C-alpha atoms as a PDB file:
ATOM      1  CA  MET A   1       9.620  18.768  -8.712  1.00  0.00           C
ATOM      2  CA  GLU A   2       6.001  17.614  -8.702  1.00  0.00           C
ATOM      3  CA  ASN A   3       4.195  17.593  -5.380  1.00  0.00           C
ATOM      4  CA  VAL A   4       1.792  14.690  -4.753  1.00  0.00           C
ATOM      5  CA  ILE A   5       0.437  15.741  -1.604  1.00  0.00           C
ATOM      6  CA  ARG A   6      -0.424  19.754  -0.581  1.00  0.00           C
ATOM      7  CA  ILE A   7      -1.339  20.130   2.991  1.00  0.00           C
ATOM      8  CA  ASP A   8      -2.151  23.569   3.897  1.00  0.00           C
ATOM      9  CA  LYS A   9      -2.965  24.791   7.447  1.00  0.00           C
ATOM     10  CA  VAL A  10      -4.750  21.685   8.543  1.00  0.00           C
ATOM     11  CA  SER A  11      -6.101  21.888  12.002  1.00  0.00           C
ATOM     12  CA  LYS A  12      -8.190  19.167  13.835  1.00  0.00           C
ATOM     13  CA  ILE A  13      -9.681  19.267  17.207  1.00  0.00           C
ATOM     14  CA  TYR A  14     -11.232  16.541  19.121  1.00  0.00           C
ATOM     15  CA  ARG A  15     -13.598  16.984  21.582  1.00  0.00           C
ATOM     16  CA  THR A  16     -14.683  14.732  24.608  1.00  0.00           C
ATOM     17  CA  GLY A  17     -17.434  16.157  26.994  1.00  0.00           C
ATOM     18  CA  GLU A  18     -16.180  19.695  27.852  1.00  0.00           C
ATOM     19  CA  VAL A  19     -12.429  18.817  26.909  1.00  0.00           C
ATOM     20  CA  THR A  20     -10.912  19.642  23.798  1.00  0.00           C
ATOM     21  CA  VAL A  21      -7.604  18.504  22.238  1.00  0.00           C
ATOM     22  CA  ASP A  22      -5.877  20.208  19.316  1.00  0.00           C
ATOM     23  CA  ALA A  23      -4.490  17.073  17.694  1.00  0.00           C
ATOM     24  CA  LEU A  24      -3.264  19.177  14.712  1.00  0.00           C
ATOM     25  CA  LYS A  25      -2.617  23.116  14.585  1.00  0.00           C
ATOM     26  CA  GLU A  26      -2.491  24.446  11.272  1.00  0.00           C
ATOM     27  CA  VAL A  27      -0.116  21.907   9.578  1.00  0.00           C
ATOM     28  CA  SER A  28       1.370  22.932   6.232  1.00  0.00           C
ATOM     29  CA  LEU A  29       3.305  20.531   4.141  1.00  0.00           C
ATOM     30  CA  THR A  30       4.121  19.335   0.836  1.00  0.00           C
ATOM     31  CA  ILE A  31       5.520  15.867  -0.181  1.00  0.00           C
ATOM     32  CA  ALA A  32       7.102  15.771  -3.731  1.00  0.00           C
ATOM     33  CA  LYS A  33       6.859  12.840  -6.313  1.00  0.00           C
ATOM     34  CA  GLY A  34       9.089   9.931  -5.425  1.00  0.00           C
ATOM     35  CA  GLU A  35       9.942  11.065  -1.585  1.00  0.00           C
ATOM     36  CA  PHE A  36      10.529   8.339   0.981  1.00  0.00           C
ATOM     37  CA  SER A  37       9.321  10.368   3.943  1.00  0.00           C
ATOM     38  CA  ALA A  38       8.429   9.619   7.343  1.00  0.00           C
ATOM     39  CA  ILE A  39       6.140  11.589   9.936  1.00  0.00           C
ATOM     40  CA  ALA A  40       7.615  10.844  13.571  1.00  0.00           C
ATOM     41  CA  GLY A  41       6.759  11.753  16.983  1.00  0.00           C
ATOM     42  CA  PRO A  42       5.839  10.514  20.220  1.00  0.00           C
ATOM     43  CA  SER A  43       2.326   9.132  21.293  1.00  0.00           C
ATOM     44  CA  GLY A  44      -0.162  12.218  20.909  1.00  0.00           C
ATOM     45  CA  SER A  45       2.009  14.222  18.570  1.00  0.00           C
ATOM     46  CA  GLY A  46      -0.641  14.138  15.900  1.00  0.00           C
ATOM     47  CA  LYS A  47       1.258  11.592  13.212  1.00  0.00           C
ATOM     48  CA  SER A  48      -1.654   9.275  13.236  1.00  0.00           C
ATOM     49  CA  THR A  49      -4.120  11.853  12.805  1.00  0.00           C
ATOM     50  CA  LEU A  50      -2.207  13.708  10.106  1.00  0.00           C
ATOM     51  CA  LEU A  51      -1.899  10.521   7.954  1.00  0.00           C
ATOM     52  CA  ASN A  52      -5.702   9.671   8.568  1.00  0.00           C
ATOM     53  CA  ILE A  53      -6.255  13.122   7.088  1.00  0.00           C
ATOM     54  CA  VAL A  54      -3.894  12.791   4.262  1.00  0.00           C
ATOM     55  CA  SER A  55      -5.796   9.311   3.236  1.00  0.00           C
ATOM     56  CA  GLY A  56      -9.224  10.974   3.320  1.00  0.00           C
ATOM     57  CA  LEU A  57      -9.963   8.562   6.297  1.00  0.00           C
ATOM     58  CA  ASP A  58     -10.515  11.520   8.341  1.00  0.00           C
ATOM     59  CA  LYS A  59     -11.748  15.082   7.768  1.00  0.00           C
ATOM     60  CA  PRO A  60      -9.718  18.128   9.217  1.00  0.00           C
ATOM     61  CA  ASP A  61     -11.779  20.801  10.990  1.00  0.00           C
ATOM     62  CA  GLY A  62      -9.731  23.511   9.120  1.00  0.00           C
ATOM     63  CA  GLY A  63      -7.483  23.786   6.063  1.00  0.00           C
ATOM     64  CA  THR A  64      -7.240  21.905   2.955  1.00  0.00           C
ATOM     65  CA  VAL A  65      -5.538  18.655   1.805  1.00  0.00           C
ATOM     66  CA  GLU A  66      -4.519  18.264  -2.277  1.00  0.00           C
ATOM     67  CA  LEU A  67      -3.526  15.197  -3.908  1.00  0.00           C
ATOM     68  CA  GLY A  68      -2.474  15.257  -7.253  1.00  0.00           C
ATOM     69  CA  GLY A  69      -3.565  18.620  -7.652  1.00  0.00           C
ATOM     70  CA  ARG A  70      -7.388  17.717  -6.562  1.00  0.00           C
ATOM     71  CA  ALA A  71      -9.034  19.022  -3.311  1.00  0.00           C
ATOM     72  CA  MET A  72      -9.787  15.767  -1.114  1.00  0.00           C
ATOM     73  CA  THR A  73     -11.450  17.929   1.564  1.00  0.00           C
ATOM     74  CA  ALA A  74     -13.709  19.155  -0.886  1.00  0.00           C
ATOM     75  CA  MET A  75     -15.165  15.511  -2.148  1.00  0.00           C
ATOM     76  CA  SER A  76     -18.305  13.621  -1.106  1.00  0.00           C
ATOM     77  CA  ALA A  77     -17.823  10.495   0.638  1.00  0.00           C
ATOM     78  CA  SER A  78     -18.574   8.573  -2.317  1.00  0.00           C
ATOM     79  CA  ASP A  79     -16.115  10.415  -4.371  1.00  0.00           C
ATOM     80  CA  LEU A  80     -13.608  10.479  -1.773  1.00  0.00           C
ATOM     81  CA  SER A  81     -13.681   6.581  -1.627  1.00  0.00           C
ATOM     82  CA  ASP A  82     -13.153   6.065  -5.473  1.00  0.00           C
ATOM     83  CA  PHE A  83     -10.374   8.495  -5.401  1.00  0.00           C
ATOM     84  CA  ARG A  84      -8.743   6.614  -2.614  1.00  0.00           C
ATOM     85  CA  ARG A  85      -9.041   3.436  -4.327  1.00  0.00           C
ATOM     86  CA  ASP A  86      -7.375   4.614  -7.467  1.00  0.00           C
ATOM     87  CA  HIS A  87      -4.737   6.980  -6.150  1.00  0.00           C
ATOM     88  CA  ILE A  88      -3.647   6.048  -2.501  1.00  0.00           C
ATOM     89  CA  GLY A  89      -2.176   2.610  -1.476  1.00  0.00           C
ATOM     90  CA  PHE A  90      -2.291   1.799   2.128  1.00  0.00           C
ATOM     91  CA  ILE A  91       0.065  -0.626   4.413  1.00  0.00           C
ATOM     92  CA  PHE A  92      -1.138  -1.273   7.834  1.00  0.00           C
ATOM     93  CA  GLN A  93       0.903  -2.666  10.969  1.00  0.00           C
ATOM     94  CA  SER A  94      -1.735  -5.341  11.293  1.00  0.00           C
ATOM     95  CA  TYR A  95      -1.305  -6.361   7.510  1.00  0.00           C
ATOM     96  CA  ASN A  96      -5.112  -6.337   6.649  1.00  0.00           C
ATOM     97  CA  LEU A  97      -5.115  -9.258   4.448  1.00  0.00           C
ATOM     98  CA  ILE A  98      -8.325 -11.194   3.800  1.00  0.00           C
ATOM     99  CA  PRO A  99      -7.900 -14.432   5.485  1.00  0.00           C
ATOM    100  CA  VAL A 100      -9.842 -16.203   2.985  1.00  0.00           C
ATOM    101  CA  LEU A 101      -8.139 -15.106   0.024  1.00  0.00           C
ATOM    102  CA  THR A 102      -4.887 -16.380  -1.409  1.00  0.00           C
ATOM    103  CA  VAL A 103      -1.819 -14.235  -1.919  1.00  0.00           C
ATOM    104  CA  GLU A 104      -2.647 -13.799  -5.553  1.00  0.00           C
ATOM    105  CA  GLU A 105      -6.353 -12.774  -4.708  1.00  0.00           C
ATOM    106  CA  ASN A 106      -5.293 -10.447  -2.130  1.00  0.00           C
ATOM    107  CA  ILE A 107      -2.920  -8.546  -4.054  1.00  0.00           C
ATOM    108  CA  GLU A 108      -5.276  -8.306  -7.269  1.00  0.00           C
ATOM    109  CA  TYR A 109      -8.499  -7.092  -5.287  1.00  0.00           C
ATOM    110  CA  VAL A 110      -8.054  -3.469  -5.657  1.00  0.00           C
ATOM    111  CA  MET A 111      -7.371  -3.952  -9.120  1.00  0.00           C
ATOM    112  CA  LEU A 112     -10.593  -6.113  -9.402  1.00  0.00           C
ATOM    113  CA  LEU A 113     -12.428  -2.973  -8.004  1.00  0.00           C
ATOM    114  CA  GLN A 114     -10.654  -0.800 -10.622  1.00  0.00           C
ATOM    115  CA  GLY A 115     -11.956  -2.736 -13.366  1.00  0.00           C
ATOM    116  CA  VAL A 116      -8.315  -3.998 -14.598  1.00  0.00           C
ATOM    117  CA  PRO A 117      -8.584  -6.624 -17.004  1.00  0.00           C
ATOM    118  CA  LYS A 118      -7.980 -10.332 -15.902  1.00  0.00           C
ATOM    119  CA  ASN A 119      -4.747 -10.985 -18.021  1.00  0.00           C
ATOM    120  CA  GLU A 120      -3.086  -7.458 -16.610  1.00  0.00           C
ATOM    121  CA  ARG A 121      -4.106  -8.338 -13.215  1.00  0.00           C
ATOM    122  CA  ARG A 122      -2.286 -11.587 -13.580  1.00  0.00           C
ATOM    123  CA  GLU A 123       0.790 -10.273 -15.158  1.00  0.00           C
ATOM    124  CA  ARG A 124       1.204  -7.296 -12.660  1.00  0.00           C
ATOM    125  CA  VAL A 125       0.740 -10.035  -9.666  1.00  0.00           C
ATOM    126  CA  ALA A 126       3.423 -12.014 -11.143  1.00  0.00           C
ATOM    127  CA  LYS A 127       5.697  -9.345 -11.564  1.00  0.00           C
ATOM    128  CA  ILE A 128       5.426  -7.724  -8.025  1.00  0.00           C
ATOM    129  CA  LEU A 129       5.847 -11.185  -6.314  1.00  0.00           C
ATOM    130  CA  THR A 130       9.168 -11.300  -8.075  1.00  0.00           C
ATOM    131  CA  GLU A 131       9.675  -7.863  -6.959  1.00  0.00           C
ATOM    132  CA  VAL A 132       9.021  -8.529  -3.057  1.00  0.00           C
ATOM    133  CA  GLY A 133      10.859 -11.963  -3.098  1.00  0.00           C
ATOM    134  CA  LEU A 134       7.644 -14.137  -2.652  1.00  0.00           C
ATOM    135  CA  ASP A 135       7.456 -15.883  -6.184  1.00  0.00           C
ATOM    136  CA  GLY A 136       5.909 -19.039  -6.048  1.00  0.00           C
ATOM    137  CA  MET A 137       3.680 -18.061  -3.020  1.00  0.00           C
ATOM    138  CA  GLN A 138       0.852 -16.832  -4.797  1.00  0.00           C
ATOM    139  CA  LYS A 139      -1.566 -19.866  -3.974  1.00  0.00           C
ATOM    140  CA  ARG A 140      -1.076 -19.734  -0.245  1.00  0.00           C
ATOM    141  CA  LEU A 141      -3.337 -18.346   2.151  1.00  0.00           C
ATOM    142  CA  PRO A 142      -2.128 -15.754   4.792  1.00  0.00           C
ATOM    143  CA  ILE A 143      -2.318 -18.179   7.658  1.00  0.00           C
ATOM    144  CA  HIS A 144       0.626 -19.915   6.240  1.00  0.00           C
ATOM    145  CA  LEU A 145       2.994 -17.082   5.640  1.00  0.00           C
ATOM    146  CA  SER A 146       5.218 -15.539   8.246  1.00  0.00           C
ATOM    147  CA  GLY A 147       4.661 -11.875   9.434  1.00  0.00           C
ATOM    148  CA  GLY A 148       7.316 -10.564   7.209  1.00  0.00           C
ATOM    149  CA  GLN A 149       6.090 -12.309   4.325  1.00  0.00           C
ATOM    150  CA  GLN A 150       2.204 -11.130   5.006  1.00  0.00           C
ATOM    151  CA  GLN A 151       3.624  -7.441   5.008  1.00  0.00           C
ATOM    152  CA  ARG A 152       5.481  -8.142   1.812  1.00  0.00           C
ATOM    153  CA  VAL A 153       1.886  -9.197   0.398  1.00  0.00           C
ATOM    154  CA  ALA A 154       0.608  -5.822   1.594  1.00  0.00           C
ATOM    155  CA  VAL A 155       3.566  -3.784   0.253  1.00  0.00           C
ATOM    156  CA  ALA A 156       2.510  -5.709  -3.051  1.00  0.00           C
ATOM    157  CA  ARG A 157      -1.131  -5.099  -2.965  1.00  0.00           C
ATOM    158  CA  ALA A 158      -0.338  -1.365  -2.423  1.00  0.00           C
ATOM    159  CA  MET A 159       2.268  -1.149  -5.143  1.00  0.00           C
ATOM    160  CA  VAL A 160       0.198  -3.194  -7.767  1.00  0.00           C
ATOM    161  CA  SER A 161      -2.923  -0.596  -8.196  1.00  0.00           C
ATOM    162  CA  ARG A 162      -0.150   2.051  -9.272  1.00  0.00           C
ATOM    163  CA  PRO A 163      -1.222   4.638  -6.542  1.00  0.00           C
ATOM    164  CA  ASP A 164       0.038   8.208  -6.607  1.00  0.00           C
ATOM    165  CA  ILE A 165       1.418   7.850  -3.263  1.00  0.00           C
ATOM    166  CA  ILE A 166       1.597   4.707  -0.472  1.00  0.00           C
ATOM    167  CA  LEU A 167       0.436   5.642   3.254  1.00  0.00           C
ATOM    168  CA  ALA A 168       2.385   3.082   5.776  1.00  0.00           C
ATOM    169  CA  ASP A 169       1.134   3.456   9.276  1.00  0.00           C
ATOM    170  CA  GLU A 170       3.784   1.673  11.547  1.00  0.00           C
ATOM    171  CA  PRO A 171       4.269  -0.881   9.133  1.00  0.00           C
ATOM    172  CA  THR A 172       7.381  -2.614  11.013  1.00  0.00           C
ATOM    173  CA  ALA A 173       5.455  -2.597  14.453  1.00  0.00           C
ATOM    174  CA  ASN A 174       4.848  -6.303  14.534  1.00  0.00           C
ATOM    175  CA  LEU A 175       7.955  -7.432  13.123  1.00  0.00           C
ATOM    176  CA  ASP A 176      11.534  -8.435  14.562  1.00  0.00           C
ATOM    177  CA  SER A 177      14.319  -5.888  13.789  1.00  0.00           C
ATOM    178  CA  LYS A 178      16.088  -8.181  11.271  1.00  0.00           C
ATOM    179  CA  THR A 179      12.772  -8.829   8.993  1.00  0.00           C
ATOM    180  CA  ALA A 180      11.663  -4.869   9.610  1.00  0.00           C
ATOM    181  CA  ASP A 181      15.155  -4.123   8.225  1.00  0.00           C
ATOM    182  CA  ALA A 182      14.864  -6.281   4.979  1.00  0.00           C
ATOM    183  CA  LEU A 183      11.231  -5.210   4.386  1.00  0.00           C
ATOM    184  CA  LEU A 184      12.453  -1.291   4.813  1.00  0.00           C
ATOM    185  CA  ASP A 185      15.409  -2.143   2.490  1.00  0.00           C
ATOM    186  CA  MET A 186      12.885  -3.773  -0.050  1.00  0.00           C
ATOM    187  CA  MET A 187      10.529  -0.689   0.017  1.00  0.00           C
ATOM    188  CA  GLN A 188      13.344   1.536  -0.483  1.00  0.00           C
ATOM    189  CA  GLU A 189      14.362  -0.126  -3.754  1.00  0.00           C
ATOM    190  CA  LEU A 190      10.885  -0.209  -4.661  1.00  0.00           C
ATOM    191  CA  ASN A 191      10.857   3.633  -4.289  1.00  0.00           C
ATOM    192  CA  GLU A 192      13.967   3.982  -6.315  1.00  0.00           C
ATOM    193  CA  LYS A 193      12.873   1.579  -9.049  1.00  0.00           C
ATOM    194  CA  HIS A 194       9.529   2.916  -9.638  1.00  0.00           C
ATOM    195  CA  GLY A 195       9.457   6.144  -8.212  1.00  0.00           C
ATOM    196  CA  VAL A 196       6.660   5.547  -6.190  1.00  0.00           C
ATOM    197  CA  THR A 197       6.156   8.086  -3.226  1.00  0.00           C
ATOM    198  CA  PHE A 198       6.020   6.696   0.549  1.00  0.00           C
ATOM    199  CA  LEU A 199       5.213   8.515   3.319  1.00  0.00           C
ATOM    200  CA  PHE A 200       5.323   6.647   6.678  1.00  0.00           C
ATOM    201  CA  SER A 201       3.796   7.293  10.351  1.00  0.00           C
ATOM    202  CA  THR A 202       6.163   5.779  12.819  1.00  0.00           C
ATOM    203  CA  HIS A 203       7.810   6.221  16.009  1.00  0.00           C
ATOM    204  CA  ASP A 204      10.200   3.441  14.895  1.00  0.00           C
ATOM    205  CA  GLN A 205      13.670   4.610  14.874  1.00  0.00           C
ATOM    206  CA  MET A 206      14.715   1.892  12.144  1.00  0.00           C
ATOM    207  CA  ILE A 207      12.057   3.515   9.697  1.00  0.00           C
ATOM    208  CA  MET A 208      13.555   7.178  10.570  1.00  0.00           C
ATOM    209  CA  ASP A 209      16.818   5.852   9.896  1.00  0.00           C
ATOM    210  CA  HIS A 210      15.784   4.722   6.142  1.00  0.00           C
ATOM    211  CA  ALA A 211      13.637   7.736   5.755  1.00  0.00           C
ATOM    212  CA  ARG A 212      15.406  10.266   3.145  1.00  0.00           C
ATOM    213  CA  ARG A 213      13.126  13.214   4.791  1.00  0.00           C
ATOM    214  CA  LEU A 214      11.980  13.155   8.335  1.00  0.00           C
ATOM    215  CA  ILE A 215       9.157  15.083   9.537  1.00  0.00           C
ATOM    216  CA  THR A 216       8.845  15.422  13.279  1.00  0.00           C
ATOM    217  CA  LEU A 217       5.548  16.419  14.846  1.00  0.00           C
ATOM    218  CA  ARG A 218       5.089  17.620  18.486  1.00  0.00           C
ATOM    219  CA  ASP A 219       1.794  18.676  19.979  1.00  0.00           C
ATOM    220  CA  GLY A 220       0.052  18.999  16.498  1.00  0.00           C
ATOM    221  CA  ALA A 221       2.511  21.037  15.032  1.00  0.00           C
ATOM    222  CA  ILE A 222       5.748  20.507  12.823  1.00  0.00           C
ATOM    223  CA  PHE A 223       8.792  20.584  14.928  1.00  0.00           C
ATOM    224  CA  SER A 224      11.384  19.882  12.639  1.00  0.00           C
ATOM    225  CA  ASP A 225      11.525  19.022   8.919  1.00  0.00           C
ATOM    226  CA  GLU A 226      14.750  17.442   7.997  1.00  0.00           C
ATOM    227  CA  VAL A 227      15.983  16.302   4.442  1.00  0.00           C
ATOM    228  CA  ARG A 228      18.875  13.677   4.098  1.00  0.00           C
ATOM    229  CA  GLY A 229      21.157  12.931   1.465  1.00  0.00           C
END
């Protein structure tokens, strides 16, 4: 199976005065196309650091990260920004929607940056709104949506630019359990229907239960890597 992400001996050290913390210790990992995987672990285990490095938002102190066969760790800041826009979708725990833009405008924003023609943008938005259960809400502002609906908009925005991988950092943290469960079921359906790769960073047991592969970090190293049926 084709690998989307290849992480080889990635290390990250944080220094505060004379204190050094090994956030990641030579972590090696591959994520295959179509996986629905989660990186889990207690606070301070390195899971958020690893996700930030995979996304190119942070640089490792050692090792390499490849996405789609391209070495992200070797890119300039400008090239990395363009590469991230075109190849990675993001879902954050705080939704990160632009409050003055409508649902439709929020979803098409990345496509606008990518130069996707207007007609195609509108077609993609209409299709994904149906898939995430928000048909008819395209003209609403985020303030008029529930938390669960806002996170569905964030999922739609991440999906619609057709990235190689979607990185989701604690996407259920601000949702009640019923809303979170429905959101995860929907994301799993999108994963199965479109073959899009999802990688979560979480300490939410519900996400761990939904994941078909669970990678557990402890003290900056991989403690276990379990593939489910």
